[in-house]
N, C-alpha and C. Protein backbone atom coordinates (compact mmCIF):
# COMPACT_ATOMS: atom_id res chain seq x y z
N UNK A 1 22.69 4.71 -5.66
CA UNK A 1 22.24 3.44 -5.13
C UNK A 1 21.69 3.59 -3.70
N UNK A 2 22.41 4.35 -2.87
CA UNK A 2 21.95 4.54 -1.49
C UNK A 2 20.60 5.24 -1.45
N UNK A 3 20.41 6.21 -2.31
CA UNK A 3 19.13 6.94 -2.34
C UNK A 3 18.00 5.98 -2.71
N UNK A 4 18.23 5.08 -3.64
CA UNK A 4 17.20 4.12 -4.05
C UNK A 4 16.89 3.14 -2.93
N UNK A 5 17.91 2.70 -2.23
CA UNK A 5 17.68 1.81 -1.09
C UNK A 5 16.93 2.53 0.03
N UNK A 6 17.28 3.79 0.24
CA UNK A 6 16.55 4.60 1.22
C UNK A 6 15.10 4.77 0.84
N UNK A 7 14.83 4.95 -0.45
CA UNK A 7 13.46 5.08 -0.95
C UNK A 7 12.69 3.78 -0.71
N UNK A 8 13.33 2.65 -0.95
CA UNK A 8 12.70 1.36 -0.67
C UNK A 8 12.28 1.27 0.79
N UNK A 9 13.20 1.62 1.67
CA UNK A 9 12.91 1.56 3.11
C UNK A 9 11.81 2.53 3.50
N UNK A 10 11.79 3.70 2.89
CA UNK A 10 10.75 4.71 3.14
C UNK A 10 9.37 4.14 2.81
N UNK A 11 9.24 3.52 1.63
CA UNK A 11 7.96 2.95 1.22
C UNK A 11 7.54 1.82 2.16
N UNK A 12 8.48 0.99 2.54
CA UNK A 12 8.19 -0.13 3.44
C UNK A 12 7.74 0.37 4.80
N UNK A 13 8.47 1.34 5.37
CA UNK A 13 8.13 1.84 6.70
C UNK A 13 6.80 2.58 6.71
N UNK A 14 6.51 3.32 5.65
CA UNK A 14 5.23 4.03 5.56
C UNK A 14 4.08 3.03 5.55
N UNK A 15 4.18 2.02 4.71
CA UNK A 15 3.13 1.02 4.61
C UNK A 15 2.97 0.26 5.93
N UNK A 16 4.08 -0.07 6.55
CA UNK A 16 4.04 -0.80 7.82
C UNK A 16 3.35 0.03 8.90
N UNK A 17 3.68 1.30 8.99
CA UNK A 17 3.09 2.16 10.02
C UNK A 17 1.58 2.31 9.83
N UNK A 18 1.14 2.52 8.62
CA UNK A 18 -0.29 2.68 8.37
C UNK A 18 -1.03 1.38 8.65
N UNK A 19 -0.47 0.28 8.19
CA UNK A 19 -1.09 -1.02 8.41
C UNK A 19 -1.15 -1.34 9.91
N UNK A 20 -0.07 -1.07 10.63
CA UNK A 20 -0.02 -1.34 12.06
C UNK A 20 -1.03 -0.50 12.83
N UNK A 21 -1.22 0.74 12.40
CA UNK A 21 -2.19 1.62 13.07
C UNK A 21 -3.61 1.07 12.95
N UNK A 22 -3.98 0.64 11.76
CA UNK A 22 -5.32 0.07 11.56
C UNK A 22 -5.46 -1.23 12.35
N UNK A 23 -4.43 -2.08 12.30
CA UNK A 23 -4.49 -3.35 13.03
C UNK A 23 -4.61 -3.12 14.53
N UNK A 24 -3.88 -2.14 15.06
CA UNK A 24 -3.94 -1.84 16.48
C UNK A 24 -5.35 -1.40 16.88
N UNK A 25 -5.97 -0.55 16.08
CA UNK A 25 -7.33 -0.11 16.38
C UNK A 25 -8.33 -1.26 16.29
N UNK A 26 -8.12 -2.16 15.34
CA UNK A 26 -9.02 -3.31 15.23
C UNK A 26 -8.87 -4.24 16.44
N UNK A 27 -7.64 -4.38 16.93
CA UNK A 27 -7.41 -5.24 18.10
C UNK A 27 -7.82 -4.59 19.40
N UNK A 28 -7.85 -3.25 19.44
CA UNK A 28 -8.18 -2.50 20.66
C UNK A 28 -9.23 -1.45 20.34
N UNK A 29 -10.51 -1.83 20.30
CA UNK A 29 -11.58 -0.91 19.93
C UNK A 29 -11.64 0.35 20.79
N UNK A 30 -11.11 0.28 22.00
CA UNK A 30 -11.11 1.46 22.88
C UNK A 30 -10.25 2.59 22.31
N UNK A 31 -9.39 2.29 21.34
CA UNK A 31 -8.55 3.31 20.72
C UNK A 31 -9.29 4.10 19.65
N UNK A 32 -10.47 3.65 19.32
CA UNK A 32 -11.25 4.37 18.31
C UNK A 32 -11.75 3.44 17.23
N UNK A 33 -12.83 3.86 16.64
CA UNK A 33 -13.44 3.07 15.58
C UNK A 33 -12.61 3.15 14.30
N UNK A 34 -12.56 2.05 13.59
CA UNK A 34 -11.88 2.02 12.30
C UNK A 34 -12.97 2.03 11.23
N UNK A 35 -13.02 3.12 10.48
CA UNK A 35 -14.04 3.24 9.46
C UNK A 35 -13.58 2.68 8.12
N UNK A 36 -14.54 2.59 7.22
CA UNK A 36 -14.26 2.07 5.88
C UNK A 36 -13.22 2.93 5.16
N UNK A 37 -13.30 4.24 5.36
CA UNK A 37 -12.32 5.11 4.70
C UNK A 37 -10.90 4.82 5.19
N UNK A 38 -10.76 4.62 6.49
CA UNK A 38 -9.43 4.38 7.04
C UNK A 38 -8.86 3.05 6.55
N UNK A 39 -9.68 2.02 6.54
CA UNK A 39 -9.17 0.73 6.05
C UNK A 39 -8.91 0.79 4.54
N UNK A 40 -9.76 1.52 3.82
CA UNK A 40 -9.56 1.66 2.37
C UNK A 40 -8.27 2.40 2.05
N UNK A 41 -8.03 3.48 2.78
CA UNK A 41 -6.79 4.24 2.56
C UNK A 41 -5.57 3.37 2.89
N UNK A 42 -5.66 2.63 3.98
CA UNK A 42 -4.55 1.75 4.36
C UNK A 42 -4.27 0.73 3.25
N UNK A 43 -5.33 0.15 2.71
CA UNK A 43 -5.13 -0.84 1.65
C UNK A 43 -4.48 -0.20 0.42
N UNK A 44 -4.94 0.98 0.04
CA UNK A 44 -4.37 1.64 -1.13
C UNK A 44 -2.89 1.97 -0.91
N UNK A 45 -2.57 2.54 0.24
CA UNK A 45 -1.19 2.93 0.52
C UNK A 45 -0.28 1.70 0.57
N UNK A 46 -0.71 0.67 1.28
CA UNK A 46 0.11 -0.55 1.39
C UNK A 46 0.29 -1.19 0.02
N UNK A 47 -0.80 -1.29 -0.74
CA UNK A 47 -0.72 -1.91 -2.07
C UNK A 47 0.18 -1.11 -3.01
N UNK A 48 -0.03 0.20 -3.07
CA UNK A 48 0.76 1.02 -3.99
C UNK A 48 2.23 1.07 -3.57
N UNK A 49 2.48 1.06 -2.26
CA UNK A 49 3.88 1.03 -1.82
C UNK A 49 4.52 -0.30 -2.17
N UNK A 50 3.75 -1.39 -2.11
CA UNK A 50 4.29 -2.69 -2.53
C UNK A 50 4.65 -2.67 -4.01
N UNK A 51 3.81 -2.03 -4.82
CA UNK A 51 4.11 -1.91 -6.25
C UNK A 51 5.38 -1.08 -6.45
N UNK A 52 5.48 0.04 -5.74
CA UNK A 52 6.66 0.91 -5.87
C UNK A 52 7.93 0.19 -5.43
N UNK A 53 7.85 -0.53 -4.31
CA UNK A 53 9.02 -1.25 -3.81
C UNK A 53 9.44 -2.34 -4.78
N UNK A 54 8.48 -3.13 -5.23
CA UNK A 54 8.84 -4.23 -6.14
C UNK A 54 9.35 -3.69 -7.48
N UNK A 55 8.77 -2.61 -7.96
CA UNK A 55 9.22 -2.01 -9.22
C UNK A 55 10.66 -1.50 -9.09
N UNK A 56 10.93 -0.79 -8.00
CA UNK A 56 12.27 -0.27 -7.79
C UNK A 56 13.28 -1.40 -7.59
N UNK A 57 12.86 -2.45 -6.90
CA UNK A 57 13.75 -3.61 -6.71
C UNK A 57 14.08 -4.27 -8.04
N UNK A 58 13.08 -4.37 -8.92
CA UNK A 58 13.32 -4.94 -10.25
C UNK A 58 14.30 -4.06 -11.03
N UNK A 59 14.13 -2.74 -10.92
CA UNK A 59 15.06 -1.83 -11.60
C UNK A 59 16.48 -2.02 -11.09
N UNK A 60 16.61 -2.15 -9.78
CA UNK A 60 17.94 -2.33 -9.19
C UNK A 60 18.56 -3.67 -9.59
N UNK A 61 17.72 -4.69 -9.75
CA UNK A 61 18.22 -6.01 -10.10
C UNK A 61 18.58 -6.13 -11.57
N UNK A 62 18.02 -5.26 -12.39
CA UNK A 62 18.28 -5.33 -13.82
C UNK A 62 17.38 -6.34 -14.50
N UNK A 63 17.74 -6.71 -15.71
CA UNK A 63 16.90 -7.59 -16.52
C UNK A 63 16.57 -8.92 -15.87
N UNK A 64 17.48 -9.45 -15.09
CA UNK A 64 17.23 -10.72 -14.42
C UNK A 64 16.13 -10.65 -13.39
N UNK A 65 15.78 -9.45 -12.96
CA UNK A 65 14.75 -9.30 -11.95
C UNK A 65 13.38 -9.76 -12.40
N UNK A 66 13.15 -9.79 -13.71
CA UNK A 66 11.87 -10.24 -14.23
C UNK A 66 11.94 -11.63 -14.86
N UNK A 67 13.05 -12.31 -14.70
CA UNK A 67 13.20 -13.65 -15.28
C UNK A 67 12.23 -14.63 -14.62
N UNK A 68 11.70 -15.52 -15.44
CA UNK A 68 10.78 -16.53 -14.92
C UNK A 68 11.49 -17.35 -13.85
N UNK A 69 10.78 -17.58 -12.77
CA UNK A 69 11.36 -18.35 -11.67
C UNK A 69 12.06 -17.49 -10.64
N UNK A 70 12.31 -16.22 -10.94
CA UNK A 70 12.94 -15.32 -9.98
C UNK A 70 11.89 -14.88 -8.97
N UNK A 71 12.19 -15.01 -7.69
CA UNK A 71 11.20 -14.65 -6.67
C UNK A 71 10.85 -13.17 -6.73
N UNK A 72 11.76 -12.33 -7.16
CA UNK A 72 11.47 -10.90 -7.30
C UNK A 72 10.38 -10.67 -8.35
N UNK A 73 10.43 -11.42 -9.45
CA UNK A 73 9.40 -11.30 -10.48
C UNK A 73 8.05 -11.70 -9.91
N UNK A 74 8.01 -12.74 -9.09
CA UNK A 74 6.76 -13.18 -8.46
C UNK A 74 6.22 -12.12 -7.51
N UNK A 75 7.09 -11.53 -6.71
CA UNK A 75 6.66 -10.48 -5.78
C UNK A 75 6.11 -9.27 -6.55
N UNK A 76 6.77 -8.92 -7.63
CA UNK A 76 6.31 -7.78 -8.43
C UNK A 76 4.93 -8.08 -9.03
N UNK A 77 4.78 -9.26 -9.58
CA UNK A 77 3.48 -9.66 -10.16
C UNK A 77 2.40 -9.66 -9.08
N UNK A 78 2.71 -10.21 -7.91
CA UNK A 78 1.73 -10.25 -6.83
C UNK A 78 1.33 -8.85 -6.38
N UNK A 79 2.29 -7.95 -6.31
CA UNK A 79 1.99 -6.57 -5.92
C UNK A 79 1.06 -5.92 -6.95
N UNK A 80 1.34 -6.12 -8.21
CA UNK A 80 0.49 -5.55 -9.26
C UNK A 80 -0.90 -6.15 -9.24
N UNK A 81 -1.01 -7.43 -8.92
CA UNK A 81 -2.33 -8.09 -8.88
C UNK A 81 -3.19 -7.55 -7.74
N UNK A 82 -2.58 -6.96 -6.75
CA UNK A 82 -3.35 -6.38 -5.64
C UNK A 82 -4.32 -5.31 -6.10
N UNK A 83 -4.03 -4.69 -7.22
CA UNK A 83 -4.90 -3.65 -7.75
C UNK A 83 -6.25 -4.21 -8.21
N UNK A 84 -6.30 -5.50 -8.47
CA UNK A 84 -7.52 -6.11 -8.96
C UNK A 84 -8.48 -6.51 -7.83
N UNK A 85 -8.04 -6.40 -6.61
CA UNK A 85 -8.86 -6.83 -5.47
C UNK A 85 -9.40 -5.62 -4.72
N UNK A 86 -10.64 -5.75 -4.26
CA UNK A 86 -11.34 -4.65 -3.60
C UNK A 86 -10.74 -4.26 -2.28
N UNK A 87 -11.09 -3.13 -1.75
CA UNK A 87 -12.02 -2.19 -2.39
C UNK A 87 -11.33 -1.44 -3.53
N UNK A 88 -12.12 -1.15 -4.54
CA UNK A 88 -11.58 -0.41 -5.68
C UNK A 88 -11.19 0.99 -5.24
N UNK A 89 -10.09 1.47 -5.78
CA UNK A 89 -9.56 2.77 -5.39
C UNK A 89 -10.57 3.89 -5.59
N UNK A 90 -11.33 3.84 -6.69
CA UNK A 90 -12.30 4.91 -6.95
C UNK A 90 -13.40 4.95 -5.89
N UNK A 91 -13.77 3.80 -5.35
CA UNK A 91 -14.79 3.76 -4.29
C UNK A 91 -14.25 4.38 -3.02
N UNK A 92 -13.01 4.06 -2.67
CA UNK A 92 -12.38 4.64 -1.47
C UNK A 92 -12.26 6.15 -1.63
N UNK A 93 -11.81 6.60 -2.80
CA UNK A 93 -11.65 8.03 -3.03
C UNK A 93 -12.98 8.77 -3.00
N UNK A 94 -14.04 8.14 -3.49
CA UNK A 94 -15.37 8.75 -3.43
C UNK A 94 -15.82 8.89 -1.97
N UNK A 95 -15.53 7.88 -1.17
CA UNK A 95 -15.86 7.95 0.26
C UNK A 95 -15.09 9.05 0.96
N UNK A 96 -13.83 9.21 0.61
CA UNK A 96 -13.03 10.29 1.19
C UNK A 96 -13.56 11.65 0.77
N UNK A 97 -14.00 11.76 -0.48
CA UNK A 97 -14.56 13.02 -0.96
C UNK A 97 -15.83 13.36 -0.19
N UNK A 98 -16.69 12.35 0.03
CA UNK A 98 -17.93 12.60 0.80
C UNK A 98 -17.58 13.05 2.23
N UNK A 99 -16.59 12.40 2.83
CA UNK A 99 -16.18 12.77 4.18
C UNK A 99 -15.66 14.20 4.20
N UNK A 100 -14.87 14.57 3.22
CA UNK A 100 -14.33 15.92 3.11
C UNK A 100 -15.45 16.95 2.96
N UNK A 101 -16.41 16.65 2.11
CA UNK A 101 -17.54 17.57 1.89
C UNK A 101 -18.36 17.71 3.17
N UNK A 102 -18.60 16.59 3.88
CA UNK A 102 -19.37 16.65 5.12
C UNK A 102 -18.67 17.51 6.17
N UNK A 103 -17.37 17.39 6.27
CA UNK A 103 -16.60 18.17 7.25
C UNK A 103 -16.60 19.64 6.85
N UNK A 104 -16.54 19.92 5.56
CA UNK A 104 -16.47 21.30 5.07
C UNK A 104 -17.77 22.05 5.22
N UNK A 105 -18.87 21.32 5.36
CA UNK A 105 -20.18 22.01 5.44
C UNK A 105 -20.52 22.47 6.82
């Protein structure tokens, strides 16, 4: 149980740190430009960590975690729905691949 709770906190802190870094750069342009790849990666990490956290929380809660009207079920559904909103993961990954190729040349 402790390991699962620690994993939840790990996913939350990772997402928070990445999101905060992008937000800080957006608020303070002197810290550096925020490119599409950086914001795309942040969105993917935050979204996927939300899915992992909500999924693990549902597992910990048991069958009642997905019961209609349970706020945990709503959070899990909302996290999963994030995958339907842009930017699409494949577009972000293609941009990262182009950046990698440009740096490698």
